[in-house]
C-alpha atoms as a PDB file:
ATOM      1  CA  MET A   1      93.029  68.945  79.412  1.00  0.00           C
ATOM      2  CA  THR A   2      92.036  71.533  81.887  1.00  0.00           C
ATOM      3  CA  GLY A   3      91.934  75.195  81.325  1.00  0.00           C
ATOM      4  CA  VAL A   4      94.459  77.823  81.025  1.00  0.00           C
ATOM      5  CA  GLN A   5      96.400  78.984  84.380  1.00  0.00           C
ATOM      6  CA  THR A   6      98.532  81.792  85.325  1.00  0.00           C
ATOM      7  CA  CYS A   7     101.846  80.851  85.699  1.00  0.00           C
ATOM      8  CA  ALA A   8     102.671  82.001  89.262  1.00  0.00           C
ATOM      9  CA  LEU A   9     104.999  79.170  90.229  1.00  0.00           C
ATOM     10  CA  PRO A  10     108.947  79.643  91.084  1.00  0.00           C
ATOM     11  CA  ILE A  11     109.329  77.671  87.516  1.00  0.00           C
ATOM     12  CA  CYS A  12     108.120  80.904  85.533  1.00  0.00           C
ATOM     13  CA  ALA A  13     110.899  82.719  86.694  1.00  0.00           C
ATOM     14  CA  LYS A  14     113.215  79.979  84.831  1.00  0.00           C
ATOM     15  CA  LEU A  15     111.062  80.640  81.835  1.00  0.00           C
ATOM     16  CA  ASP A  16     112.124  84.403  81.930  1.00  0.00           C
ATOM     17  CA  ARG A  17     115.607  83.961  83.151  1.00  0.00           C
ATOM     18  CA  LYS A  18     116.597  81.203  80.324  1.00  0.00           C
ATOM     19  CA  ARG A  19     114.301  82.931  77.826  1.00  0.00           C
ATOM     20  CA  LEU A  20     112.132  79.790  77.057  1.00  0.00           C
ATOM     21  CA  ASP A  21     108.777  79.267  75.471  1.00  0.00           C
ATOM     22  CA  LEU A  22     107.482  76.619  77.538  1.00  0.00           C
ATOM     23  CA  ILE A  23     108.503  74.056  79.730  1.00  0.00           C
ATOM     24  CA  ALA A  24     106.848  70.581  79.925  1.00  0.00           C
ATOM     25  CA  ALA A  25     106.803  68.936  83.524  1.00  0.00           C
ATOM     26  CA  ASN A  26     105.641  65.612  84.215  1.00  0.00           C
ATOM     27  CA  ALA A  27     104.078  63.913  87.261  1.00  0.00           C
ATOM     28  CA  VAL A  28     106.332  60.985  88.630  1.00  0.00           C
ATOM     29  CA  GLY A  29     104.846  58.615  91.245  1.00  0.00           C
ATOM     30  CA  PRO A  30     102.480  55.306  92.105  1.00  0.00           C
ATOM     31  CA  GLY A  31     100.924  54.392  88.593  1.00  0.00           C
ATOM     32  CA  GLN A  32     102.367  57.188  86.498  1.00  0.00           C
ATOM     33  CA  GLY A  33     105.882  57.947  85.223  1.00  0.00           C
ATOM     34  CA  PHE A  34     108.201  55.712  84.934  1.00  0.00           C
ATOM     35  CA  ASP A  35     107.502  51.879  84.014  1.00  0.00           C
ATOM     36  CA  THR A  36     103.771  52.697  83.021  1.00  0.00           C
ATOM     37  CA  GLU A  37     101.688  53.757  79.924  1.00  0.00           C
ATOM     38  CA  LEU A  38     100.032  56.518  81.630  1.00  0.00           C
ATOM     39  CA  ASN A  39     101.261  60.019  82.940  1.00  0.00           C
ATOM     40  CA  GLN A  40     100.238  63.544  83.003  1.00  0.00           C
ATOM     41  CA  LEU A  41     102.004  67.107  82.298  1.00  0.00           C
ATOM     42  CA  GLU A  42     101.900  70.450  83.575  1.00  0.00           C
ATOM     43  CA  LEU A  43     102.738  72.986  80.543  1.00  0.00           C
ATOM     44  CA  LEU A  44     103.754  76.585  81.562  1.00  0.00           C
ATOM     45  CA  TRP A  45     104.721  79.316  79.444  1.00  0.00           C
ATOM     46  CA  PRO A  46     105.056  83.273  80.081  1.00  0.00           C
ATOM     47  CA  GLY A  47     101.531  84.388  81.209  1.00  0.00           C
ATOM     48  CA  GLY A  48      99.903  81.090  81.293  1.00  0.00           C
ATOM     49  CA  GLY A  49      99.966  77.441  81.122  1.00  0.00           C
ATOM     50  CA  VAL A  50      97.872  74.176  80.718  1.00  0.00           C
ATOM     51  CA  SER A  51      97.310  70.805  82.583  1.00  0.00           C
ATOM     52  CA  LEU A  52      97.277  67.500  80.694  1.00  0.00           C
ATOM     53  CA  GLU A  53      95.293  65.134  82.697  1.00  0.00           C
ATOM     54  CA  LEU A  54      96.255  61.494  83.384  1.00  0.00           C
ATOM     55  CA  ALA A  55      96.406  59.577  79.900  1.00  0.00           C
ATOM     56  CA  PRO A  56      98.178  56.983  77.974  1.00  0.00           C
ATOM     57  CA  LYS A  57     101.640  58.872  77.030  1.00  0.00           C
ATOM     58  CA  ASP A  58     101.067  58.250  73.372  1.00  0.00           C
ATOM     59  CA  LYS A  59      98.102  60.862  73.697  1.00  0.00           C
ATOM     60  CA  LEU A  60      99.898  63.291  75.808  1.00  0.00           C
ATOM     61  CA  ALA A  61     102.595  63.472  73.302  1.00  0.00           C
ATOM     62  CA  ARG A  62     100.005  64.252  70.440  1.00  0.00           C
ATOM     63  CA  GLN A  63      98.288  66.684  72.409  1.00  0.00           C
ATOM     64  CA  LEU A  64     101.770  68.339  73.578  1.00  0.00           C
ATOM     65  CA  ILE A  65     102.836  68.384  69.859  1.00  0.00           C
ATOM     66  CA  GLY A  66      99.523  70.185  68.994  1.00  0.00           C
ATOM     67  CA  ILE A  67      99.917  72.622  71.711  1.00  0.00           C
ATOM     68  CA  VAL A  68     103.383  73.415  70.713  1.00  0.00           C
ATOM     69  CA  ALA A  69     102.893  73.614  66.967  1.00  0.00           C
ATOM     70  CA  GLU A  70      99.831  76.174  67.699  1.00  0.00           C
ATOM     71  CA  ARG A  71     101.893  78.296  70.276  1.00  0.00           C
ATOM     72  CA  TRP A  72     104.783  78.161  67.616  1.00  0.00           C
ATOM     73  CA  HIS A  73     101.857  79.654  65.139  1.00  0.00           C
ATOM     74  CA  VAL A  74     100.552  82.380  67.169  1.00  0.00           C
ATOM     75  CA  LYS A  75     104.158  83.261  68.140  1.00  0.00           C
ATOM     76  CA  ASN A  76     105.487  83.457  64.493  1.00  0.00           C
ATOM     77  CA  SER A  77     101.911  84.829  62.958  1.00  0.00           C
ATOM     78  CA  HIS A  78     101.092  87.496  65.663  1.00  0.00           C
ATOM     79  CA  PRO A  79     104.369  88.096  68.169  1.00  0.00           C
ATOM     80  CA  ALA A  80     102.192  90.633  70.506  1.00  0.00           C
ATOM     81  CA  ARG A  81      99.145  87.574  71.092  1.00  0.00           C
ATOM     82  CA  LEU A  82     101.483  85.073  72.265  1.00  0.00           C
ATOM     83  CA  GLN A  83     101.101  86.270  76.104  1.00  0.00           C
END
């Protein structure tokens, strides 16, 4: 997993417009995505994001669940600290 990034892509406007907490975008291409056990994810949220590096999909799923749970906890414990 690489560090938190600033969400400055056009997709970030979609987060705001649709009032989403997080978007997970997966890469599709040779050796990742469909018909393979490997993939990578870009997770974007208002004010930041993180890249999950190429890994087996079951590992990515566990990482994604952990990040979603962590962000949910922070949002519901300290709403002002989420962004």
